[in-house]
Protein backbone atom coordinates (compact mmCIF):
# COMPACT_ATOMS: atom_id res chain seq x y z
CA MET A 1 125.03 -29.45 51.72
CA PRO A 2 122.40 -29.20 54.48
CA TRP A 3 121.14 -25.74 55.40
CA THR A 4 122.29 -25.00 58.98
CA ALA A 5 122.57 -22.06 61.36
CA SER A 6 125.88 -21.20 59.71
CA ASN A 7 123.93 -20.27 56.57
CA ILE A 8 122.04 -17.48 58.31
CA PRO A 9 123.32 -14.16 56.91
CA ASP A 10 124.26 -11.26 59.13
CA GLN A 11 121.07 -9.67 60.48
CA THR A 12 122.56 -6.49 61.87
CA GLY A 13 120.15 -3.58 61.51
CA ARG A 14 117.09 -5.78 61.01
CA THR A 15 114.16 -6.18 63.39
CA ALA A 16 112.31 -9.47 63.81
CA VAL A 17 109.07 -10.14 65.68
CA VAL A 18 108.75 -13.78 66.73
CA THR A 19 105.49 -14.94 68.28
CA GLY A 20 105.57 -17.64 70.94
CA ALA A 21 109.28 -17.00 71.44
CA ASN A 22 109.67 -17.82 75.12
CA THR A 23 110.25 -21.54 74.57
CA GLY A 24 110.81 -24.30 72.02
CA LEU A 25 110.98 -23.46 68.34
CA GLY A 26 110.19 -19.79 68.86
CA TYR A 27 112.97 -19.39 71.39
CA GLU A 28 115.50 -21.08 69.11
CA THR A 29 114.39 -18.90 66.21
CA ALA A 30 114.80 -15.77 68.32
CA ARG A 31 118.14 -16.94 69.70
CA LEU A 32 119.71 -17.51 66.31
CA LEU A 33 118.40 -14.23 64.90
CA ALA A 34 119.76 -12.35 67.90
CA GLU A 35 123.13 -14.10 67.62
CA LYS A 36 123.29 -12.91 64.01
CA GLY A 37 122.78 -9.30 65.08
CA ALA A 38 119.02 -8.75 64.73
CA THR A 39 116.86 -6.78 67.10
CA VAL A 40 114.35 -9.39 68.24
CA ILE A 41 110.94 -8.80 69.80
CA LEU A 42 109.60 -11.79 71.76
CA ALA A 43 105.82 -11.60 71.35
CA CYS A 44 104.43 -13.93 74.02
CA ARG A 45 101.25 -14.66 75.96
CA ASP A 46 102.96 -14.88 79.37
CA PRO A 47 104.93 -11.69 80.12
CA GLU A 48 106.97 -13.27 82.91
CA LYS A 49 108.05 -16.23 80.77
CA ALA A 50 108.93 -13.79 78.02
CA ARG A 51 111.09 -11.74 80.39
CA ARG A 52 112.90 -14.87 81.56
CA ALA A 53 113.51 -15.90 77.95
CA ALA A 54 114.88 -12.45 77.14
CA ALA A 55 117.19 -12.68 80.14
CA ARG A 56 118.49 -16.06 78.95
CA LEU A 57 119.23 -14.61 75.54
CA GLY A 58 121.29 -11.91 77.24
CA SER A 59 121.23 -9.42 74.39
CA PRO A 60 120.43 -5.70 74.70
CA ARG A 61 118.73 -6.01 71.30
CA VAL A 62 116.05 -8.35 72.65
CA ARG A 63 112.82 -7.05 74.14
CA THR A 64 109.38 -8.44 74.92
CA LEU A 65 105.84 -7.75 73.77
CA HIS A 66 102.70 -9.04 75.46
CA LEU A 67 100.61 -10.88 72.87
CA ASP A 68 97.79 -13.32 73.54
CA LEU A 69 96.61 -14.54 70.14
CA ALA A 70 93.31 -15.75 71.62
CA SER A 71 92.44 -12.22 72.75
CA PRO A 72 91.45 -9.56 70.18
CA ALA A 73 92.13 -6.84 72.75
CA SER A 74 95.64 -8.14 73.37
CA ILE A 75 96.31 -8.42 69.64
CA ARG A 76 95.27 -4.84 69.01
CA SER A 77 97.25 -3.59 71.99
CA ALA A 78 100.40 -5.41 70.85
CA ALA A 79 100.02 -4.15 67.30
CA GLY A 80 99.54 -0.64 68.65
CA GLU A 81 102.84 -0.86 70.51
CA LEU A 82 104.61 -1.67 67.25
CA ARG A 83 102.95 1.08 65.24
CA GLY A 84 105.49 3.29 63.51
CA GLU A 85 108.33 0.80 63.92
CA ARG A 86 110.30 -0.80 61.12
CA VAL A 87 109.83 -4.59 61.05
CA ASP A 88 111.88 -6.71 58.64
CA LEU A 89 110.65 -10.14 59.72
CA LEU A 90 107.45 -11.40 61.26
CA VAL A 91 107.67 -15.06 62.24
CA ASN A 92 104.22 -16.38 63.12
CA ASN A 93 105.42 -19.25 65.27
CA ALA A 94 103.00 -19.32 68.21
CA GLY A 95 100.47 -22.10 68.32
CA GLY A 96 98.90 -24.70 70.52
CA ILE A 97 96.53 -27.61 70.82
CA ARG A 98 93.68 -28.05 73.29
CA PRO A 99 92.75 -31.61 74.34
CA ARG A 100 89.31 -30.44 75.47
CA HIS A 101 86.88 -28.16 73.70
CA ALA A 102 87.23 -24.55 74.79
CA VAL A 103 86.18 -21.25 73.28
CA THR A 104 87.29 -17.64 73.47
CA GLU A 105 85.09 -14.84 74.76
CA GLU A 106 83.95 -14.38 71.17
CA GLY A 107 82.86 -18.02 70.95
CA HIS A 108 85.71 -19.15 68.68
CA GLU A 109 87.20 -22.61 69.22
CA LEU A 110 90.46 -21.99 71.06
CA THR A 111 92.89 -23.95 68.88
CA PHE A 112 91.59 -22.33 65.69
CA ALA A 113 91.44 -18.93 67.36
CA THR A 114 95.04 -19.10 68.57
CA ASN A 115 96.68 -20.82 65.62
CA HIS A 116 94.87 -19.11 62.78
CA LEU A 117 92.52 -16.27 63.67
CA GLY A 118 94.98 -14.61 66.04
CA THR A 119 97.79 -14.96 63.52
CA PHE A 120 95.58 -13.55 60.76
CA ALA A 121 94.56 -10.56 62.88
CA PHE A 122 98.03 -9.76 64.25
CA THR A 123 99.66 -9.99 60.82
CA GLY A 124 97.03 -7.72 59.31
CA LEU A 125 97.46 -5.12 62.04
CA VAL A 126 101.27 -5.00 61.90
CA LEU A 127 101.61 -5.30 58.14
CA GLU A 128 101.98 -1.53 57.89
CA CYS A 129 105.30 -1.95 59.75
CA LEU A 130 106.60 -4.37 57.10
CA LEU A 131 105.31 -2.95 53.82
CA PRO A 132 107.71 0.01 53.63
CA VAL A 133 110.72 -2.24 54.32
CA PRO A 134 112.50 -3.68 51.25
CA GLY A 135 113.02 -7.41 51.62
CA SER A 136 110.61 -7.80 54.52
CA ARG A 137 109.02 -11.19 55.04
CA VAL A 138 106.10 -12.82 56.84
CA VAL A 139 106.77 -16.46 57.73
CA THR A 140 103.88 -18.55 59.01
CA VAL A 141 104.74 -21.81 60.77
CA SER A 142 102.43 -24.69 59.90
CA SER A 143 102.87 -28.41 60.60
CA ILE A 144 103.31 -31.60 58.63
CA GLY A 145 99.95 -32.43 60.24
CA HIS A 146 98.31 -30.02 57.80
CA CYS A 147 98.26 -32.95 55.36
CA ARG A 148 95.60 -34.55 57.55
CA GLY A 149 93.59 -31.36 57.86
CA THR A 150 90.27 -30.49 56.28
CA LEU A 151 88.62 -27.09 56.28
CA ASN A 152 84.99 -27.14 57.39
CA LEU A 153 83.71 -23.60 56.95
CA ASP A 154 80.28 -24.69 58.16
CA ASP A 155 81.65 -25.77 61.53
CA LEU A 156 85.06 -24.13 62.02
CA HIS A 157 84.61 -24.16 65.80
CA PHE A 158 83.62 -27.83 66.20
CA GLU A 159 80.31 -27.01 67.83
CA ARG A 160 78.86 -30.35 66.74
CA ARG A 161 81.59 -32.73 67.86
CA TYR A 162 85.08 -31.86 69.06
CA ASP A 163 88.14 -33.83 68.06
CA TYR A 164 91.34 -32.16 69.25
CA GLN A 165 93.48 -33.66 66.51
CA LYS A 166 91.08 -32.63 63.76
CA ALA A 167 90.91 -29.14 65.26
CA TYR A 168 94.69 -28.86 65.27
CA PHE A 169 95.13 -30.22 61.74
CA GLN A 170 92.45 -27.84 60.46
CA SER A 171 94.25 -24.88 62.04
CA LYS A 172 97.56 -25.90 60.47
CA LEU A 173 95.95 -26.24 57.04
CA ALA A 174 94.46 -22.79 57.64
CA ASN A 175 97.98 -21.44 58.28
CA LEU A 176 99.02 -22.48 54.78
CA LEU A 177 95.86 -21.28 53.08
CA PHE A 178 96.46 -17.92 54.77
CA ALA A 179 100.17 -17.75 53.88
CA TYR A 180 99.53 -18.50 50.21
CA GLU A 181 96.61 -16.09 49.93
CA LEU A 182 98.66 -13.38 51.61
CA HIS A 183 101.43 -14.02 49.09
CA ARG A 184 98.95 -13.63 46.21
CA ARG A 185 97.60 -10.35 47.56
CA LEU A 186 101.06 -8.92 48.20
CA THR A 187 102.15 -9.91 44.71
CA GLU A 188 99.11 -8.29 43.12
CA ALA A 189 99.83 -5.11 45.08
CA ARG A 190 103.46 -5.24 43.90
CA ALA A 191 104.58 -5.01 47.50
CA GLU A 192 108.18 -5.76 48.42
CA THR A 193 106.99 -7.76 51.43
CA VAL A 194 106.61 -11.48 50.75
CA SER A 195 104.80 -14.30 52.53
CA LEU A 196 106.28 -17.75 53.04
CA ALA A 197 105.50 -20.80 55.16
CA ALA A 198 107.45 -23.45 57.01
CA HIS A 199 107.00 -26.53 59.13
CA PRO A 200 109.47 -27.86 61.72
CA GLY A 201 108.92 -31.58 61.30
CA ASN A 202 108.60 -33.37 64.63
CA ALA A 203 110.53 -31.48 67.29
CA ARG A 204 111.01 -32.28 70.97
CA THR A 205 109.45 -29.25 72.63
CA GLU A 206 106.98 -28.36 75.38
CA PHE A 207 104.30 -28.46 72.70
CA GLY A 208 103.68 -32.12 73.55
CA ARG A 209 102.74 -31.39 77.15
CA ASP A 210 99.03 -31.40 76.28
CA MET A 211 99.21 -34.50 74.12
CA SER A 212 98.56 -38.13 75.01
CA PRO A 213 100.83 -39.95 77.50
CA PHE A 214 102.33 -41.92 74.59
CA VAL A 215 103.29 -38.76 72.71
CA ARG A 216 104.74 -37.21 75.88
CA LEU A 217 106.77 -40.37 76.41
CA MET A 218 108.11 -40.36 72.87
CA MET A 219 109.19 -36.73 73.22
CA ARG A 220 111.41 -37.40 76.22
CA PRO A 221 115.06 -36.59 75.46
CA ALA A 222 116.09 -39.84 77.15
CA LEU A 223 114.52 -41.75 74.25
CA ARG A 224 116.52 -39.85 71.62
CA PRO A 225 118.64 -42.94 70.72
CA LEU A 226 115.42 -44.78 69.79
CA THR A 227 113.40 -41.95 68.26
CA TRP A 228 116.09 -40.09 66.26
CA TRP A 229 114.28 -40.98 63.02
CA LEU A 230 110.95 -39.68 64.34
CA MET A 231 111.90 -36.49 66.19
CA HIS A 232 114.70 -33.98 66.19
CA ASP A 233 115.78 -31.26 68.57
CA PRO A 234 114.23 -27.77 68.45
CA GLN A 235 117.55 -26.31 67.34
CA VAL A 236 117.06 -28.22 64.06
CA GLY A 237 113.29 -27.82 63.91
CA ALA A 238 113.60 -24.03 64.06
CA LEU A 239 115.78 -23.95 60.95
CA ALA A 240 112.82 -24.31 58.56
CA ALA A 241 111.24 -21.03 59.64
CA LEU A 242 114.66 -19.39 59.72
CA ARG A 243 115.46 -20.46 56.18
CA ALA A 244 112.13 -19.09 54.97
CA ALA A 245 112.87 -15.87 56.87
CA VAL A 246 116.47 -15.16 55.85
CA ASP A 247 117.67 -17.32 52.97
CA PRO A 248 118.38 -14.87 50.11
CA ALA A 249 117.29 -17.55 47.62
CA ALA A 250 113.86 -18.08 49.23
CA ARG A 251 110.89 -16.62 47.37
CA GLY A 252 107.36 -15.64 48.32
CA GLY A 253 104.82 -18.45 48.28
CA GLU A 254 107.42 -21.12 49.08
CA PHE A 255 107.18 -23.73 51.85
CA TYR A 256 110.19 -25.02 53.80
CA GLY A 257 110.59 -28.06 56.01
CA PRO A 258 112.44 -31.34 56.49
CA PRO A 259 112.74 -33.27 53.21
CA GLY A 260 111.76 -36.80 52.29
CA ARG A 261 108.55 -38.76 52.13
CA LEU A 262 107.62 -38.37 55.80
CA GLN A 263 109.27 -34.97 56.45
CA PHE A 264 109.64 -35.83 60.14
CA THR A 265 113.28 -34.83 60.63
CA GLY A 266 116.17 -33.22 58.84
CA HIS A 267 117.57 -29.90 57.73
CA PRO A 268 115.14 -27.71 55.79
CA GLU A 269 114.59 -27.73 52.07
CA ARG A 270 111.90 -26.33 49.85
CA VAL A 271 108.99 -28.79 49.98
CA GLU A 272 105.45 -29.06 48.67
CA SER A 273 102.39 -28.90 50.90
CA SER A 274 99.15 -30.82 50.45
CA ALA A 275 96.91 -30.34 47.42
CA ALA A 276 94.23 -28.93 49.73
CA SER A 277 96.55 -26.10 50.79
CA TYR A 278 96.84 -24.86 47.20
CA ASP A 279 93.06 -24.64 46.70
CA THR A 280 92.65 -20.99 45.72
CA GLU A 281 88.91 -20.98 46.31
CA ALA A 282 89.41 -22.30 49.85
CA GLN A 283 92.09 -19.66 50.41
CA ARG A 284 89.71 -16.86 49.41
CA ARG A 285 86.78 -18.24 51.39
CA LEU A 286 88.87 -18.66 54.52
CA TRP A 287 90.25 -15.13 54.12
CA SER A 288 86.74 -13.66 53.91
CA GLU A 289 85.56 -15.65 56.91
CA SER A 290 88.66 -14.65 58.88
CA GLU A 291 87.97 -10.98 58.16
CA ARG A 292 84.41 -11.45 59.37
CA LEU A 293 85.39 -13.26 62.55
CA THR A 294 88.26 -10.94 63.52
CA GLY A 295 87.07 -7.62 62.17
CA VAL A 296 90.52 -7.11 60.64
CA THR A 297 90.90 -6.19 56.98
CA TYR A 298 94.22 -5.89 55.19
CA ASP A 299 95.59 -2.74 53.60
CA VAL A 300 98.52 -3.67 51.36
CA GLU A 301 99.13 -0.15 50.06
CA VAL A 302 102.81 0.64 50.57
CA ARG A 303 103.49 3.78 52.57
CA ARG A 304 107.14 4.70 52.95
CA PHE A 305 108.49 5.57 56.37
CA ARG A 306 109.26 9.22 56.88
CA THR A 307 112.95 9.94 57.06
């Protein structure tokens, strides 16, 4: 039987932080968690869009958090607002792609900074909210495009020659290297928090707005009768991250996404990622470089909340 929204267990009493939750996959993830009773925090770059999304959800358990993953100051401010709270689920959904080369104030290539470095830093800073919570999970959303990614630690920021697709695929490979290394570190620390990863397949979302005219055309809902095999709706695409987040049978270090050879569409199953994503040396090297670039180091010591 396919895993659907009906498989999501009751989430009453749990708190989930979903990044990039004002639209697309993040919104659908937040919506389904809220419908199942969770308190959901929409962590978004645009406060006004986040407020409108919260209003659409119409739940008193939904609130917003300003988070710009390309800004270290914003990341630290957002993490500070969560300090002392109990967080059961962190869904690292936010991401983007930049057709033209751009850098942050720190000089980091913007796609890599948003998709990986910001996620690395935010997770590290809010991990203290998850570690004391039995059954807590970190889910990092990658892409099937990670299979085409290569990690170039000598030129992570594409200072020599920028290719927006290569930059995106590198960042999505980095998401998996991070998720698996985080799982290893949590396991070694005997923490109850676990790290998993997911990919949505090809979903019709606003994500394609910065892509080529051909991709934008293919994403149009009007072409659904012709592209059903290539793309599915965000309501289905969001299920992979949700399964990783709430399926009682899911385990740390696992990867969920549409099944099959292409993994473009379909209800989520446990799948395997590329051989490059399981390279433990690359995982450790990327982790060290991410610490250097963000100034964030992880403390996985479990400290129980005061009662």
